[in-house]
């Protein structure tokens, strides 16, 4: 039944696709989306072999989710993680939009100190650009925390709970709840989502009020306090060889140019999992990273709506938060 529903959604979306030239396969064609012509290729290529999810299914999924996901992509440089051969392929990051990007796609040139050059980032503001990115093989979407109008000031703080292979997901849940306790003490409303992989992501709204360095320093303090409460299996040390078999409370995500998988992003992992917002009451024993997938996310959203909306809302006052933690 799940397979039939998924396939019908994909077939419905591509029913009006037109061959690029007479006689060519509909597997390579063009479709007009919001008055923009988008070219698609290899739509039948299987991206998730065990789940039988194709490239066309991925594109159709994102178009069906556009109203939910675009608010978290608009105005943000995109670090394109491409898996053109599906999840069996490790994939690669492609940050420079280049000349191949459609003329109608928005771009922003940003100097990269690490690469020592200008990079022309793609900005995903609409459905056609989203479809173009997916056709490149972007199963996962990775937006910056800040927008082009305020590149040095992120809209939210993010903490990534990254477990080692030897940690249990119950330990990840326990860590998330302790991080929430620290934020609660600081007078901060925090929001949790599944990573879609093995961890959890915790966000705090900032409304572009502080620069990355200020945000990173605050996140570091929260991470240290949380780790001190769970010394048996958490760490704030980044290098794998020094961290040991511990959950890394990653506060360094709060640096300019760092990205996490967007809310509602598919992950290139078996099961076609989706990074999904949670009620804090759901963050408890029994929760699994594989609970939310391309098959059931729409049904969930009909019940919950978008639980992440306030992440883009009013920001916190870090100075007041630090006073409460001191």
Foldseek 3Di string as FASTA:
>chain_A
DLVVVLVVLLCVVLVPWDCPDPPDDSQWTWDQDPNDIATAHNQCQQQFVVVSQGLSSLLSLCLVCVVPFLVVQAQFFWFQFADQNHLVDPTDTDAAPPPVDDPPWDWDWDQDPVVRGIGITTGDNDSRVSSNSSRRRRLFIWTWQCGPVQLFFGQKFKKKWAFDPPDDLQVLLVLVVLLVVLCVLLVFDKWKWQLLPRHIMIMGGALRPDGLVVSLVLLVVSQVVSCVVVVPAEDCDPDPVPGPRHTHGDSVCSDRPRTGGGQQRFDRDHLRGGTHIDDNVVSHPPDDSNPHHSSCPVVVCVVVPHPCVCSNPHHDDSVSSVVSND
